[in-house]
Amino acid sequence: MQEYLLKVGEGAKAELQKHLDMKLPPAYVRVATLAPLSNWGFPAGSEGAVIKVLERGIVTGQAGGDDAPHDFVPWANIAYLSDGSKLAKEMAADRAAAHTPPKI
């Protein structure tokens, strides 16, 4: 099983909010898949996102652009889907702390 932290695109917010039974749409989701996903074709520094939720699965691609390929991931390949907003904030804080020089 592989786990990914993906940004939630505008076209997927309402559906993911409904699927996850949340009051507000999540900014990020954790997606675990049975077979790994590919990031082939994604520009360096780009962020993967769920850009659409369909009846038979989700569409992933690049957050904020179409430079990366869109991939269809069927529900049969998804082990679970959960809110990843808190995890994304924690990871951003960890990255910021790692890049902050120590005070002398």
PDB file of N, CA and C in Angstrom:
ATOM      1  N   MET A   1       0.840  -1.170   0.000  1.00  0.00           N
ATOM      2  CA  MET A   1       0.000   0.000   0.000  1.00  0.00           C
ATOM      3  C   MET A   1       0.891   1.241   0.000  1.00  0.00           C
ATOM      4  N   GLN A   2       0.471   2.269  -0.753  1.00  0.00           N
ATOM      5  CA  GLN A   2       1.178   3.540  -0.838  1.00  0.00           C
ATOM      6  C   GLN A   2       0.270   4.638  -0.296  1.00  0.00           C
ATOM      7  N   GLU A   3       0.856   5.614   0.376  1.00  0.00           N
ATOM      8  CA  GLU A   3       0.059   6.728   0.892  1.00  0.00           C
ATOM      9  C   GLU A   3       0.578   8.033   0.321  1.00  0.00           C
ATOM     10  N   TYR A   4      -0.355   8.911  -0.054  1.00  0.00           N
ATOM     11  CA  TYR A   4      -0.027  10.202  -0.661  1.00  0.00           C
ATOM     12  C   TYR A   4      -0.761  11.311   0.064  1.00  0.00           C
ATOM     13  N   LEU A   5      -0.153  12.480   0.100  1.00  0.00           N
ATOM     14  CA  LEU A   5      -0.797  13.680   0.608  1.00  0.00           C
ATOM     15  C   LEU A   5      -1.024  14.575  -0.602  1.00  0.00           C
ATOM     16  N   LEU A   6      -2.276  14.756  -0.973  1.00  0.00           N
ATOM     17  CA  LEU A   6      -2.614  15.515  -2.172  1.00  0.00           C
ATOM     18  C   LEU A   6      -3.438  16.745  -1.820  1.00  0.00           C
ATOM     19  N   LYS A   7      -3.147  17.827  -2.507  1.00  0.00           N
ATOM     20  CA  LYS A   7      -3.929  19.047  -2.355  1.00  0.00           C
ATOM     21  C   LYS A   7      -5.323  18.795  -2.938  1.00  0.00           C
ATOM     22  N   VAL A   8      -6.316  19.518  -2.445  1.00  0.00           N
ATOM     23  CA  VAL A   8      -7.671  19.390  -2.974  1.00  0.00           C
ATOM     24  C   VAL A   8      -7.913  20.548  -3.931  1.00  0.00           C
ATOM     25  N   GLY A   9      -8.133  20.237  -5.199  1.00  0.00           N
ATOM     26  CA  GLY A   9      -8.420  21.246  -6.203  1.00  0.00           C
ATOM     27  C   GLY A   9      -9.845  21.763  -6.077  1.00  0.00           C
ATOM     28  N   GLU A  10     -10.083  22.912  -6.673  1.00  0.00           N
ATOM     29  CA  GLU A  10     -11.407  23.550  -6.608  1.00  0.00           C
ATOM     30  C   GLU A  10     -12.523  22.621  -7.091  1.00  0.00           C
ATOM     31  N   GLY A  11     -12.254  21.844  -8.143  1.00  0.00           N
ATOM     32  CA  GLY A  11     -13.278  20.976  -8.711  1.00  0.00           C
ATOM     33  C   GLY A  11     -13.614  19.763  -7.873  1.00  0.00           C
ATOM     34  N   ALA A  12     -12.851  19.525  -6.780  1.00  0.00           N
ATOM     35  CA  ALA A  12     -13.081  18.349  -5.946  1.00  0.00           C
ATOM     36  C   ALA A  12     -13.519  18.699  -4.528  1.00  0.00           C
ATOM     37  N   LYS A  13     -13.495  19.968  -4.182  1.00  0.00           N
ATOM     38  CA  LYS A  13     -13.758  20.365  -2.790  1.00  0.00           C
ATOM     39  C   LYS A  13     -15.126  19.925  -2.285  1.00  0.00           C
ATOM     40  N   ALA A  14     -16.178  20.217  -3.015  1.00  0.00           N
ATOM     41  CA  ALA A  14     -17.537  19.899  -2.541  1.00  0.00           C
ATOM     42  C   ALA A  14     -17.735  18.389  -2.391  1.00  0.00           C
ATOM     43  N   GLU A  15     -17.260  17.619  -3.354  1.00  0.00           N
ATOM     44  CA  GLU A  15     -17.434  16.164  -3.295  1.00  0.00           C
ATOM     45  C   GLU A  15     -16.638  15.554  -2.138  1.00  0.00           C
ATOM     46  N   LEU A  16     -15.404  16.018  -1.934  1.00  0.00           N
ATOM     47  CA  LEU A  16     -14.604  15.463  -0.835  1.00  0.00           C
ATOM     48  C   LEU A  16     -15.178  15.880   0.509  1.00  0.00           C
ATOM     49  N   GLN A  17     -15.700  17.072   0.587  1.00  0.00           N
ATOM     50  CA  GLN A  17     -16.361  17.514   1.815  1.00  0.00           C
ATOM     51  C   GLN A  17     -17.525  16.587   2.141  1.00  0.00           C
ATOM     52  N   LYS A  18     -18.298  16.234   1.107  1.00  0.00           N
ATOM     53  CA  LYS A  18     -19.441  15.335   1.292  1.00  0.00           C
ATOM     54  C   LYS A  18     -18.968  13.924   1.654  1.00  0.00           C
ATOM     55  N   HIS A  19     -17.976  13.395   0.922  1.00  0.00           N
ATOM     56  CA  HIS A  19     -17.484  12.033   1.181  1.00  0.00           C
ATOM     57  C   HIS A  19     -16.899  11.900   2.581  1.00  0.00           C
ATOM     58  N   LEU A  20     -16.226  12.952   3.055  1.00  0.00           N
ATOM     59  CA  LEU A  20     -15.573  12.890   4.362  1.00  0.00           C
ATOM     60  C   LEU A  20     -16.454  13.435   5.487  1.00  0.00           C
ATOM     61  N   ASP A  21     -17.675  13.858   5.149  1.00  0.00           N
ATOM     62  CA  ASP A  21     -18.640  14.353   6.127  1.00  0.00           C
ATOM     63  C   ASP A  21     -18.027  15.461   6.989  1.00  0.00           C
ATOM     64  N   MET A  22     -17.520  16.499   6.314  1.00  0.00           N
ATOM     65  CA  MET A  22     -16.883  17.621   6.990  1.00  0.00           C
ATOM     66  C   MET A  22     -17.730  18.874   6.836  1.00  0.00           C
ATOM     67  N   LYS A  23     -17.612  19.806   7.800  1.00  0.00           N
ATOM     68  CA  LYS A  23     -18.353  21.071   7.722  1.00  0.00           C
ATOM     69  C   LYS A  23     -17.759  21.984   6.660  1.00  0.00           C
ATOM     70  N   LEU A  24     -16.432  21.940   6.499  1.00  0.00           N
ATOM     71  CA  LEU A  24     -15.723  22.707   5.479  1.00  0.00           C
ATOM     72  C   LEU A  24     -14.913  21.739   4.633  1.00  0.00           C
ATOM     73  N   PRO A  25     -14.649  22.077   3.373  1.00  0.00           N
ATOM     74  CA  PRO A  25     -13.858  21.159   2.551  1.00  0.00           C
ATOM     75  C   PRO A  25     -12.410  21.108   3.029  1.00  0.00           C
ATOM     76  N   PRO A  26     -11.790  19.942   2.946  1.00  0.00           N
ATOM     77  CA  PRO A  26     -10.391  19.841   3.343  1.00  0.00           C
ATOM     78  C   PRO A  26      -9.488  20.524   2.324  1.00  0.00           C
ATOM     79  N   ALA A  27      -8.361  21.030   2.780  1.00  0.00           N
ATOM     80  CA  ALA A  27      -7.363  21.621   1.875  1.00  0.00           C
ATOM     81  C   ALA A  27      -6.497  20.529   1.271  1.00  0.00           C
ATOM     82  N   TYR A  28      -6.295  19.443   2.033  1.00  0.00           N
ATOM     83  CA  TYR A  28      -5.485  18.301   1.603  1.00  0.00           C
ATOM     84  C   TYR A  28      -6.188  17.020   2.006  1.00  0.00           C
ATOM     85  N   VAL A  29      -5.919  15.959   1.265  1.00  0.00           N
ATOM     86  CA  VAL A  29      -6.408  14.633   1.634  1.00  0.00           C
ATOM     87  C   VAL A  29      -5.257  13.646   1.622  1.00  0.00           C
ATOM     88  N   ARG A  30      -5.383  12.651   2.489  1.00  0.00           N
ATOM     89  CA  ARG A  30      -4.470  11.513   2.473  1.00  0.00           C
ATOM     90  C   ARG A  30      -5.173  10.430   1.669  1.00  0.00           C
ATOM     91  N   VAL A  31      -4.466   9.898   0.694  1.00  0.00           N
ATOM     92  CA  VAL A  31      -5.021   8.851  -0.159  1.00  0.00           C
ATOM     93  C   VAL A  31      -4.066   7.662  -0.104  1.00  0.00           C
ATOM     94  N   ALA A  32      -4.592   6.514   0.293  1.00  0.00           N
ATOM     95  CA  ALA A  32      -3.798   5.290   0.275  1.00  0.00           C
ATOM     96  C   ALA A  32      -4.284   4.447  -0.893  1.00  0.00           C
ATOM     97  N   THR A  33      -3.336   3.986  -1.704  1.00  0.00           N
ATOM     98  CA  THR A  33      -3.694   3.174  -2.863  1.00  0.00           C
ATOM     99  C   THR A  33      -3.065   1.794  -2.750  1.00  0.00           C
ATOM    100  N   LEU A  34      -3.710   0.823  -3.351  1.00  0.00           N
ATOM    101  CA  LEU A  34      -3.192  -0.540  -3.353  1.00  0.00           C
ATOM    102  C   LEU A  34      -2.014  -0.664  -4.323  1.00  0.00           C
ATOM    103  N   ALA A  35      -2.120  -0.012  -5.474  1.00  0.00           N
ATOM    104  CA  ALA A  35      -1.025   0.038  -6.460  1.00  0.00           C
ATOM    105  C   ALA A  35      -0.501   1.469  -6.483  1.00  0.00           C
ATOM    106  N   PRO A  36       0.807   1.648  -6.608  1.00  0.00           N
ATOM    107  CA  PRO A  36       1.375   3.012  -6.555  1.00  0.00           C
ATOM    108  C   PRO A  36       0.926   3.891  -7.721  1.00  0.00           C
ATOM    109  N   LEU A  37       0.906   5.202  -7.453  1.00  0.00           N
ATOM    110  CA  LEU A  37       0.619   6.193  -8.480  1.00  0.00           C
ATOM    111  C   LEU A  37       1.936   6.712  -9.035  1.00  0.00           C
ATOM    112  N   SER A  38       1.894   7.295 -10.202  1.00  0.00           N
ATOM    113  CA  SER A  38       3.094   7.825 -10.840  1.00  0.00           C
ATOM    114  C   SER A  38       3.074   9.345 -10.829  1.00  0.00           C
ATOM    115  N   ASN A  39       4.244   9.933 -10.634  1.00  0.00           N
ATOM    116  CA  ASN A  39       4.355  11.382 -10.766  1.00  0.00           C
ATOM    117  C   ASN A  39       5.095  11.742 -12.056  1.00  0.00           C
ATOM    118  N   TRP A  40       5.185  10.802 -12.987  1.00  0.00           N
ATOM    119  CA  TRP A  40       5.835  11.050 -14.270  1.00  0.00           C
ATOM    120  C   TRP A  40       5.134  12.216 -14.966  1.00  0.00           C
ATOM    121  N   GLY A  41       5.905  13.144 -15.473  1.00  0.00           N
ATOM    122  CA  GLY A  41       5.366  14.274 -16.203  1.00  0.00           C
ATOM    123  C   GLY A  41       5.065  15.490 -15.345  1.00  0.00           C
ATOM    124  N   PHE A  42       5.233  15.380 -14.030  1.00  0.00           N
ATOM    125  CA  PHE A  42       5.006  16.527 -13.153  1.00  0.00           C
ATOM    126  C   PHE A  42       6.248  17.420 -13.167  1.00  0.00           C
ATOM    127  N   PRO A  43       6.078  18.720 -13.371  1.00  0.00           N
ATOM    128  CA  PRO A  43       7.225  19.627 -13.323  1.00  0.00           C
ATOM    129  C   PRO A  43       7.833  19.655 -11.922  1.00  0.00           C
ATOM    130  N   ALA A  44       9.119  19.904 -11.850  1.00  0.00           N
ATOM    131  CA  ALA A  44       9.795  19.986 -10.549  1.00  0.00           C
ATOM    132  C   ALA A  44       9.117  21.049  -9.686  1.00  0.00           C
ATOM    133  N   GLY A  45       8.913  20.723  -8.423  1.00  0.00           N
ATOM    134  CA  GLY A  45       8.310  21.666  -7.496  1.00  0.00           C
ATOM    135  C   GLY A  45       6.800  21.756  -7.566  1.00  0.00           C
ATOM    136  N   SER A  46       6.166  21.005  -8.453  1.00  0.00           N
ATOM    137  CA  SER A  46       4.705  21.069  -8.546  1.00  0.00           C
ATOM    138  C   SER A  46       4.082  20.227  -7.435  1.00  0.00           C
ATOM    139  N   GLU A  47       2.816  20.472  -7.189  1.00  0.00           N
ATOM    140  CA  GLU A  47       2.104  19.792  -6.120  1.00  0.00           C
ATOM    141  C   GLU A  47       0.967  18.972  -6.707  1.00  0.00           C
ATOM    142  N   GLY A  48       0.923  17.700  -6.364  1.00  0.00           N
ATOM    143  CA  GLY A  48      -0.143  16.833  -6.832  1.00  0.00           C
ATOM    144  C   GLY A  48      -1.454  17.155  -6.145  1.00  0.00           C
ATOM    145  N   ALA A  49      -2.552  16.937  -6.845  1.00  0.00           N
ATOM    146  CA  ALA A  49      -3.859  17.282  -6.292  1.00  0.00           C
ATOM    147  C   ALA A  49      -4.938  16.338  -6.791  1.00  0.00           C
ATOM    148  N   VAL A  50      -5.989  16.231  -5.997  1.00  0.00           N
ATOM    149  CA  VAL A  50      -7.226  15.614  -6.468  1.00  0.00           C
ATOM    150  C   VAL A  50      -7.982  16.736  -7.159  1.00  0.00           C
ATOM    151  N   ILE A  51      -8.203  16.584  -8.454  1.00  0.00           N
ATOM    152  CA  ILE A  51      -8.843  17.676  -9.186  1.00  0.00           C
ATOM    153  C   ILE A  51     -10.311  17.406  -9.505  1.00  0.00           C
ATOM    154  N   LYS A  52     -10.735  16.151  -9.359  1.00  0.00           N
ATOM    155  CA  LYS A  52     -12.137  15.819  -9.636  1.00  0.00           C
ATOM    156  C   LYS A  52     -12.480  14.510  -8.934  1.00  0.00           C
ATOM    157  N   VAL A  53     -13.694  14.424  -8.416  1.00  0.00           N
ATOM    158  CA  VAL A  53     -14.210  13.184  -7.838  1.00  0.00           C
ATOM    159  C   VAL A  53     -15.338  12.715  -8.743  1.00  0.00           C
ATOM    160  N   LEU A  54     -15.207  11.499  -9.240  1.00  0.00           N
ATOM    161  CA  LEU A  54     -16.196  10.928 -10.156  1.00  0.00           C
ATOM    162  C   LEU A  54     -16.870   9.725  -9.519  1.00  0.00           C
ATOM    163  N   GLU A  55     -17.902   9.230 -10.144  1.00  0.00           N
ATOM    164  CA  GLU A  55     -18.628   8.075  -9.630  1.00  0.00           C
ATOM    165  C   GLU A  55     -17.724   6.845  -9.507  1.00  0.00           C
ATOM    166  N   ARG A  56     -16.789   6.680 -10.436  1.00  0.00           N
ATOM    167  CA  ARG A  56     -15.953   5.474 -10.446  1.00  0.00           C
ATOM    168  C   ARG A  56     -14.544   5.670  -9.883  1.00  0.00           C
ATOM    169  N   GLY A  57     -14.218   6.903  -9.447  1.00  0.00           N
ATOM    170  CA  GLY A  57     -12.894   7.132  -8.890  1.00  0.00           C
ATOM    171  C   GLY A  57     -12.564   8.615  -8.817  1.00  0.00           C
ATOM    172  N   ILE A  58     -11.279   8.902  -8.695  1.00  0.00           N
ATOM    173  CA  ILE A  58     -10.839  10.293  -8.614  1.00  0.00           C
ATOM    174  C   ILE A  58      -9.865  10.590  -9.758  1.00  0.00           C
ATOM    175  N   VAL A  59      -9.756  11.864 -10.098  1.00  0.00           N
ATOM    176  CA  VAL A  59      -8.799  12.320 -11.097  1.00  0.00           C
ATOM    177  C   VAL A  59      -7.752  13.136 -10.360  1.00  0.00           C
ATOM    178  N   THR A  60      -6.488  12.784 -10.577  1.00  0.00           N
ATOM    179  CA  THR A  60      -5.391  13.525  -9.960  1.00  0.00           C
ATOM    180  C   THR A  60      -4.625  14.270 -11.037  1.00  0.00           C
ATOM    181  N   GLY A  61      -3.915  15.279 -10.625  1.00  0.00           N
ATOM    182  CA  GLY A  61      -3.116  16.082 -11.541  1.00  0.00           C
ATOM    183  C   GLY A  61      -2.326  17.096 -10.755  1.00  0.00           C
ATOM    184  N   GLN A  62      -2.018  18.189 -11.378  1.00  0.00           N
ATOM    185  CA  GLN A  62      -1.222  19.232 -10.744  1.00  0.00           C
ATOM    186  C   GLN A  62      -2.128  20.280 -10.118  1.00  0.00           C
ATOM    187  N   ALA A  63      -1.800  20.663  -8.899  1.00  0.00           N
ATOM    188  CA  ALA A  63      -2.546  21.729  -8.241  1.00  0.00           C
ATOM    189  C   ALA A  63      -2.256  23.040  -8.960  1.00  0.00           C
ATOM    190  N   GLY A  64      -3.294  23.715  -9.408  1.00  0.00           N
ATOM    191  CA  GLY A  64      -3.136  25.021 -10.024  1.00  0.00           C
ATOM    192  C   GLY A  64      -2.614  25.027 -11.440  1.00  0.00           C
ATOM    193  N   GLY A  65      -2.710  23.931 -12.147  1.00  0.00           N
ATOM    194  CA  GLY A  65      -2.246  23.946 -13.530  1.00  0.00           C
ATOM    195  C   GLY A  65      -2.456  22.630 -14.232  1.00  0.00           C
ATOM    196  N   ASP A  66      -2.289  22.661 -15.531  1.00  0.00           N
ATOM    197  CA  ASP A  66      -2.466  21.457 -16.342  1.00  0.00           C
ATOM    198  C   ASP A  66      -1.164  21.010 -16.992  1.00  0.00           C
ATOM    199  N   ASP A  67      -0.017  21.426 -16.419  1.00  0.00           N
ATOM    200  CA  ASP A  67       1.262  21.014 -16.989  1.00  0.00           C
ATOM    201  C   ASP A  67       1.531  19.528 -16.779  1.00  0.00           C
ATOM    202  N   ALA A  68       0.966  18.952 -15.716  1.00  0.00           N
ATOM    203  CA  ALA A  68       1.164  17.529 -15.420  1.00  0.00           C
ATOM    204  C   ALA A  68       0.002  16.725 -15.986  1.00  0.00           C
ATOM    205  N   PRO A  69       0.244  15.446 -16.266  1.00  0.00           N
ATOM    206  CA  PRO A  69      -0.841  14.602 -16.777  1.00  0.00           C
ATOM    207  C   PRO A  69      -1.959  14.432 -15.755  1.00  0.00           C
ATOM    208  N   HIS A  70      -3.172  14.271 -16.230  1.00  0.00           N
ATOM    209  CA  HIS A  70      -4.300  13.916 -15.371  1.00  0.00           C
ATOM    210  C   HIS A  70      -4.350  12.392 -15.335  1.00  0.00           C
ATOM    211  N   ASP A  71      -4.490  11.839 -14.147  1.00  0.00           N
ATOM    212  CA  ASP A  71      -4.562  10.391 -13.983  1.00  0.00           C
ATOM    213  C   ASP A  71      -5.889  10.025 -13.334  1.00  0.00           C
ATOM    214  N   PHE A  72      -6.522   8.983 -13.835  1.00  0.00           N
ATOM    215  CA  PHE A  72      -7.753   8.467 -13.242  1.00  0.00           C
ATOM    216  C   PHE A  72      -7.370   7.335 -12.299  1.00  0.00           C
ATOM    217  N   VAL A  73      -7.832   7.421 -11.049  1.00  0.00           N
ATOM    218  CA  VAL A  73      -7.571   6.378 -10.056  1.00  0.00           C
ATOM    219  C   VAL A  73      -8.919   5.785  -9.660  1.00  0.00           C
ATOM    220  N   PRO A  74      -9.186   4.537 -10.050  1.00  0.00           N
ATOM    221  CA  PRO A  74     -10.486   3.939  -9.728  1.00  0.00           C
ATOM    222  C   PRO A  74     -10.620   3.684  -8.229  1.00  0.00           C
ATOM    223  N   TRP A  75     -11.861   3.730  -7.733  1.00  0.00           N
ATOM    224  CA  TRP A  75     -12.106   3.461  -6.318  1.00  0.00           C
ATOM    225  C   TRP A  75     -11.545   2.098  -5.921  1.00  0.00           C
ATOM    226  N   ALA A  76     -11.502   1.142  -6.836  1.00  0.00           N
ATOM    227  CA  ALA A  76     -10.978  -0.195  -6.522  1.00  0.00           C
ATOM    228  C   ALA A  76      -9.503  -0.155  -6.133  1.00  0.00           C
ATOM    229  N   ASN A  77      -8.774   0.899  -6.509  1.00  0.00           N
ATOM    230  CA  ASN A  77      -7.368   1.029  -6.145  1.00  0.00           C
ATOM    231  C   ASN A  77      -7.175   1.870  -4.882  1.00  0.00           C
ATOM    232  N   ILE A  78      -8.233   2.441  -4.350  1.00  0.00           N
ATOM    233  CA  ILE A  78      -8.101   3.314  -3.188  1.00  0.00           C
ATOM    234  C   ILE A  78      -8.467   2.537  -1.923  1.00  0.00           C
ATOM    235  N   ALA A  79      -7.464   2.398  -1.031  1.00  0.00           N
ATOM    236  CA  ALA A  79      -7.691   1.701   0.236  1.00  0.00           C
ATOM    237  C   ALA A  79      -8.434   2.604   1.215  1.00  0.00           C
ATOM    238  N   TYR A  80      -8.014   3.869   1.287  1.00  0.00           N
ATOM    239  CA  TYR A  80      -8.750   4.827   2.105  1.00  0.00           C
ATOM    240  C   TYR A  80      -8.463   6.244   1.656  1.00  0.00           C
ATOM    241  N   LEU A  81      -9.334   7.136   2.084  1.00  0.00           N
ATOM    242  CA  LEU A  81      -9.257   8.562   1.770  1.00  0.00           C
ATOM    243  C   LEU A  81      -9.586   9.280   3.076  1.00  0.00           C
ATOM    244  N   SER A  82      -8.723  10.195   3.517  1.00  0.00           N
ATOM    245  CA  SER A  82      -8.988  10.895   4.771  1.00  0.00           C
ATOM    246  C   SER A  82      -8.503  12.331   4.693  1.00  0.00           C
ATOM    247  N   ASP A  83      -8.955  13.148   5.645  1.00  0.00           N
ATOM    248  CA  ASP A  83      -8.547  14.549   5.722  1.00  0.00           C
ATOM    249  C   ASP A  83      -7.052  14.606   6.026  1.00  0.00           C
ATOM    250  N   GLY A  84      -6.321  15.387   5.252  1.00  0.00           N
ATOM    251  CA  GLY A  84      -4.883  15.525   5.458  1.00  0.00           C
ATOM    252  C   GLY A  84      -4.467  16.950   5.753  1.00  0.00           C
ATOM    253  N   SER A  85      -5.424  17.833   6.043  1.00  0.00           N
ATOM    254  CA  SER A  85      -5.122  19.248   6.250  1.00  0.00           C
ATOM    255  C   SER A  85      -4.182  19.468   7.428  1.00  0.00           C
ATOM    256  N   LYS A  86      -4.435  18.806   8.559  1.00  0.00           N
ATOM    257  CA  LYS A  86      -3.584  18.962   9.739  1.00  0.00           C
ATOM    258  C   LYS A  86      -2.180  18.428   9.464  1.00  0.00           C
ATOM    259  N   LEU A  87      -2.094  17.281   8.802  1.00  0.00           N
ATOM    260  CA  LEU A  87      -0.795  16.712   8.458  1.00  0.00           C
ATOM    261  C   LEU A  87      -0.004  17.657   7.560  1.00  0.00           C
ATOM    262  N   ALA A  88      -0.656  18.278   6.585  1.00  0.00           N
ATOM    263  CA  ALA A  88       0.020  19.212   5.686  1.00  0.00           C
ATOM    264  C   ALA A  88       0.581  20.404   6.459  1.00  0.00           C
ATOM    265  N   LYS A  89      -0.190  20.931   7.423  1.00  0.00           N
ATOM    266  CA  LYS A  89       0.281  22.054   8.245  1.00  0.00           C
ATOM    267  C   LYS A  89       1.481  21.639   9.084  1.00  0.00           C
ATOM    268  N   GLU A  90       1.425  20.445   9.681  1.00  0.00           N
ATOM    269  CA  GLU A  90       2.536  19.955  10.499  1.00  0.00           C
ATOM    270  C   GLU A  90       3.798  19.770   9.657  1.00  0.00           C
ATOM    271  N   MET A  91       3.637  19.231   8.463  1.00  0.00           N
ATOM    272  CA  MET A  91       4.789  19.021   7.584  1.00  0.00           C
ATOM    273  C   MET A  91       5.390  20.358   7.149  1.00  0.00           C
ATOM    274  N   ALA A  92       4.545  21.355   6.865  1.00  0.00           N
ATOM    275  CA  ALA A  92       5.038  22.689   6.481  1.00  0.00           C
ATOM    276  C   ALA A  92       5.795  23.328   7.634  1.00  0.00           C
ATOM    277  N   ALA A  93       5.292  23.172   8.856  1.00  0.00           N
ATOM    278  CA  ALA A  93       5.973  23.725  10.030  1.00  0.00           C
ATOM    279  C   ALA A  93       7.318  23.030  10.247  1.00  0.00           C
ATOM    280  N   ASP A  94       7.360  21.709  10.056  1.00  0.00           N
ATOM    281  CA  ASP A  94       8.619  20.967  10.190  1.00  0.00           C
ATOM    282  C   ASP A  94       9.641  21.423   9.156  1.00  0.00           C
ATOM    283  N   ARG A  95       9.184  21.638   7.912  1.00  0.00           N
ATOM    284  CA  ARG A  95      10.102  22.100   6.864  1.00  0.00           C
ATOM    285  C   ARG A  95      10.634  23.503   7.175  1.00  0.00           C
ATOM    286  N   ALA A  96       9.736  24.365   7.679  1.00  0.00           N
ATOM    287  CA  ALA A  96      10.156  25.734   8.025  1.00  0.00           C
ATOM    288  C   ALA A  96      11.157  25.712   9.174  1.00  0.00           C
ATOM    289  N   ALA A  97      10.919  24.866  10.172  1.00  0.00           N
ATOM    290  CA  ALA A  97      11.834  24.772  11.305  1.00  0.00           C
ATOM    291  C   ALA A  97      13.194  24.226  10.870  1.00  0.00           C
ATOM    292  N   ALA A  98      13.191  23.301   9.925  1.00  0.00           N
ATOM    293  CA  ALA A  98      14.450  22.715   9.449  1.00  0.00           C
ATOM    294  C   ALA A  98      15.270  23.729   8.671  1.00  0.00           C
ATOM    295  N   HIS A  99      14.632  24.747   8.098  1.00  0.00           N
ATOM    296  CA  HIS A  99      15.346  25.751   7.300  1.00  0.00           C
ATOM    297  C   HIS A  99      15.632  27.022   8.082  1.00  0.00           C
ATOM    298  N   THR A 100      15.254  27.057   9.362  1.00  0.00           N
ATOM    299  CA  THR A 100      15.505  28.235  10.189  1.00  0.00           C
ATOM    300  C   THR A 100      16.853  28.066  10.877  1.00  0.00           C
ATOM    301  N   PRO A 101      17.783  29.015  10.667  1.00  0.00           N
ATOM    302  CA  PRO A 101      19.085  28.882  11.316  1.00  0.00           C
ATOM    303  C   PRO A 101      18.943  29.012  12.841  1.00  0.00           C
ATOM    304  N   PRO A 102      19.766  28.294  13.587  1.00  0.00           N
ATOM    305  CA  PRO A 102      19.677  28.385  15.046  1.00  0.00           C
ATOM    306  C   PRO A 102      20.054  29.772  15.536  1.00  0.00           C
ATOM    307  N   LYS A 103      19.413  30.200  16.629  1.00  0.00           N
ATOM    308  CA  LYS A 103      19.728  31.494  17.235  1.00  0.00           C
ATOM    309  C   LYS A 103      20.937  31.337  18.144  1.00  0.00           C
ATOM    310  N   ILE A 104      21.829  32.310  18.057  1.00  0.00           N
ATOM    311  CA  ILE A 104      23.058  32.250  18.875  1.00  0.00           C
ATOM    312  C   ILE A 104      22.984  33.301  19.947  1.00  0.00           C
TER     313      ILE A 104
END
